[in-house]
Amino acid sequence: MTADSPPTSWDTAATTDEVWAVLADGWSYAAWVVGASRIRSVDAGWPSVGSRIHHSAGSWPLLLNDETHVLRSEPGRHLVLQAKGWPFGEATVDLTLEPRGTGSRIVMREDISKGPGRVVPKPARQLLLQPRNRESLRRLALLAERHSGG
């Protein structure tokens, strides 16, 4: 899974609850996930296990419709997602929230778990994913800080 993937982390002034509030708002997914361009629908139970976000990637008129579903959810602490991104495949994304003083640290681990992207050697996959994940975490932190007023 993602346990052996190198972590990407971001420290934020937002608390773990404030970060979780952004994660729990499925409609905000396209605002912080690099590559997601719009949200088509969000299951009512998001982010409970099995719930889904139906999203698109790309730019009009070349949009690909896909979805992301929750594999594990510990409110305020931990979220594991299975994100479809065909034609490349699917990725498992592991997000952990850690309290840090008055703020928090967001830790993300991601790797391709299914599909054609698995043929790319893991070091090369990680080289491509790390900058994208860093930007996603930066966006997530900014949204959470906006909620905190920080």
Protein backbone atom coordinates (compact mmCIF):
# COMPACT_ATOMS: atom_id res chain seq x y z
CA MET A 1 0.00 0.00 0.00
CA THR A 2 1.40 3.43 0.86
CA ALA A 3 3.25 2.66 4.11
CA ASP A 4 6.57 2.31 2.27
CA SER A 5 6.03 5.48 0.21
CA PRO A 6 8.02 8.52 1.30
CA PRO A 7 5.94 11.05 3.21
CA THR A 8 5.25 14.58 2.11
CA SER A 9 4.37 16.88 4.99
CA TRP A 10 3.20 20.43 5.57
CA ASP A 11 3.02 22.34 8.85
CA THR A 12 0.06 24.68 9.23
CA ALA A 13 -1.30 27.13 11.79
CA ALA A 14 -4.66 25.37 11.42
CA THR A 15 -5.60 22.76 14.00
CA THR A 16 -6.25 19.14 13.07
CA ASP A 17 -9.99 19.84 13.43
CA GLU A 18 -9.75 22.75 10.99
CA VAL A 19 -7.84 20.64 8.47
CA TRP A 20 -10.34 17.81 8.94
CA ALA A 21 -13.20 20.24 8.26
CA VAL A 22 -11.74 20.86 4.79
CA LEU A 23 -11.19 17.14 4.17
CA ALA A 24 -14.74 16.42 5.35
CA ASP A 25 -16.14 18.91 2.84
CA GLY A 26 -16.07 16.80 -0.30
CA TRP A 27 -17.00 19.83 -2.41
CA SER A 28 -13.62 21.39 -1.52
CA TYR A 29 -11.68 18.43 -3.03
CA ALA A 30 -11.01 20.17 -6.36
CA ALA A 31 -9.74 23.25 -4.51
CA TRP A 32 -6.84 21.39 -2.89
CA VAL A 33 -6.16 18.26 -4.98
CA VAL A 34 -3.83 19.11 -7.84
CA GLY A 35 -5.31 17.70 -11.04
CA ALA A 36 -8.95 17.64 -9.94
CA SER A 37 -10.81 20.27 -11.92
CA ARG A 38 -14.41 19.96 -10.74
CA ILE A 39 -16.67 18.01 -8.42
CA ARG A 40 -19.75 16.42 -9.99
CA SER A 41 -21.25 15.00 -6.78
CA VAL A 42 -20.37 13.98 -3.24
CA ASP A 43 -22.00 11.09 -1.37
CA ALA A 44 -24.02 12.25 1.63
CA GLY A 45 -21.89 10.22 4.06
CA TRP A 46 -18.52 11.68 2.98
CA PRO A 47 -15.92 10.95 4.43
CA SER A 48 -17.25 7.70 5.90
CA VAL A 49 -15.75 4.43 4.67
CA GLY A 50 -17.08 3.54 1.23
CA SER A 51 -18.39 7.02 0.42
CA ARG A 52 -17.36 8.65 -2.86
CA ILE A 53 -16.55 11.93 -4.52
CA HIS A 54 -17.30 11.99 -8.24
CA HIS A 55 -14.82 14.36 -9.85
CA SER A 56 -13.29 15.31 -13.17
CA ALA A 57 -9.69 15.93 -14.15
CA GLY A 58 -8.31 17.97 -17.00
CA SER A 59 -9.63 21.02 -18.81
CA TRP A 60 -12.66 21.43 -20.99
CA PRO A 61 -13.20 19.91 -23.50
CA LEU A 62 -10.77 17.17 -22.46
CA LEU A 63 -12.28 16.16 -19.12
CA LEU A 64 -12.03 12.69 -17.64
CA ASN A 65 -14.71 11.70 -15.15
CA ASP A 66 -13.52 9.60 -12.22
CA GLU A 67 -14.13 9.07 -8.54
CA THR A 68 -12.39 8.78 -5.21
CA HIS A 69 -13.67 6.63 -2.37
CA VAL A 70 -12.80 6.34 1.30
CA LEU A 71 -10.96 3.21 2.47
CA ARG A 72 -10.40 4.33 6.07
CA SER A 73 -11.64 7.27 8.11
CA GLU A 74 -10.72 8.33 11.64
CA PRO A 75 -12.28 11.79 12.04
CA GLY A 76 -9.77 14.46 12.91
CA ARG A 77 -6.80 12.11 12.49
CA HIS A 78 -6.56 9.86 9.45
CA LEU A 79 -8.08 9.45 5.99
CA VAL A 80 -7.15 6.86 3.37
CA LEU A 81 -8.52 7.35 -0.13
CA GLN A 82 -8.55 5.30 -3.33
CA ALA A 83 -8.41 7.85 -6.15
CA LYS A 84 -9.13 6.81 -9.71
CA GLY A 85 -7.18 8.63 -12.39
CA TRP A 86 -7.59 6.70 -15.61
CA PRO A 87 -5.95 6.16 -18.02
CA PHE A 88 -3.02 6.10 -15.57
CA GLY A 89 -4.67 3.91 -12.97
CA GLU A 90 -5.57 4.35 -9.32
CA ALA A 91 -3.66 5.75 -6.38
CA THR A 92 -3.95 5.07 -2.68
CA VAL A 93 -3.59 8.30 -0.71
CA ASP A 94 -2.95 8.22 3.04
CA LEU A 95 -3.45 11.48 4.96
CA THR A 96 -2.51 11.76 8.64
CA LEU A 97 -3.11 14.83 10.80
CA GLU A 98 -0.74 15.41 13.75
CA PRO A 99 -1.15 18.14 16.38
CA ARG A 100 1.85 20.51 16.50
CA GLY A 101 1.69 23.22 19.16
CA THR A 102 -1.33 25.38 18.30
CA GLY A 103 -1.36 24.09 14.71
CA SER A 104 -0.79 20.78 13.00
CA ARG A 105 1.26 18.78 10.53
CA ILE A 106 -0.41 17.15 7.54
CA VAL A 107 1.40 14.04 6.28
CA MET A 108 0.56 12.49 2.91
CA ARG A 109 1.77 9.24 1.42
CA GLU A 110 0.65 8.27 -2.07
CA ASP A 111 1.44 5.62 -4.61
CA ILE A 112 -0.11 4.12 -7.71
CA SER A 113 -1.90 0.98 -6.59
CA LYS A 114 -3.62 -0.22 -9.80
CA GLY A 115 -3.35 0.18 -13.53
CA PRO A 116 -0.77 1.09 -16.15
CA GLY A 117 1.06 3.58 -13.89
CA ARG A 118 2.40 0.64 -11.85
CA VAL A 119 4.85 -0.22 -14.65
CA VAL A 120 6.76 2.99 -13.90
CA PRO A 121 9.49 2.18 -11.35
CA LYS A 122 8.54 3.32 -7.84
CA PRO A 123 11.42 5.84 -7.50
CA ALA A 124 10.30 7.53 -10.73
CA ARG A 125 6.63 7.52 -9.64
CA GLN A 126 7.58 9.12 -6.34
CA LEU A 127 9.72 11.73 -8.09
CA LEU A 128 6.62 12.78 -10.04
CA LEU A 129 4.20 12.58 -7.09
CA GLN A 130 6.21 14.49 -4.47
CA PRO A 131 5.94 18.02 -6.01
CA ARG A 132 2.24 17.48 -6.78
CA ASN A 133 1.56 16.29 -3.24
CA ARG A 134 3.48 19.20 -1.73
CA GLU A 135 1.31 21.65 -3.69
CA SER A 136 -1.85 19.77 -2.69
CA LEU A 137 -0.86 20.00 0.99
CA ARG A 138 -0.06 23.70 0.63
CA ARG A 139 -3.55 24.29 -0.81
CA LEU A 140 -5.17 22.16 1.90
CA ALA A 141 -3.34 24.12 4.60
CA LEU A 142 -4.36 27.47 3.08
CA LEU A 143 -8.01 26.42 3.02
CA ALA A 144 -7.83 25.20 6.62
CA GLU A 145 -6.09 28.40 7.74
CA ARG A 146 -8.81 30.44 6.04
CA HIS A 147 -11.34 28.54 8.15
CA SER A 148 -9.30 29.27 11.28
CA GLY A 149 -8.88 32.94 10.48
CA GLY A 150 -5.09 32.38 10.49
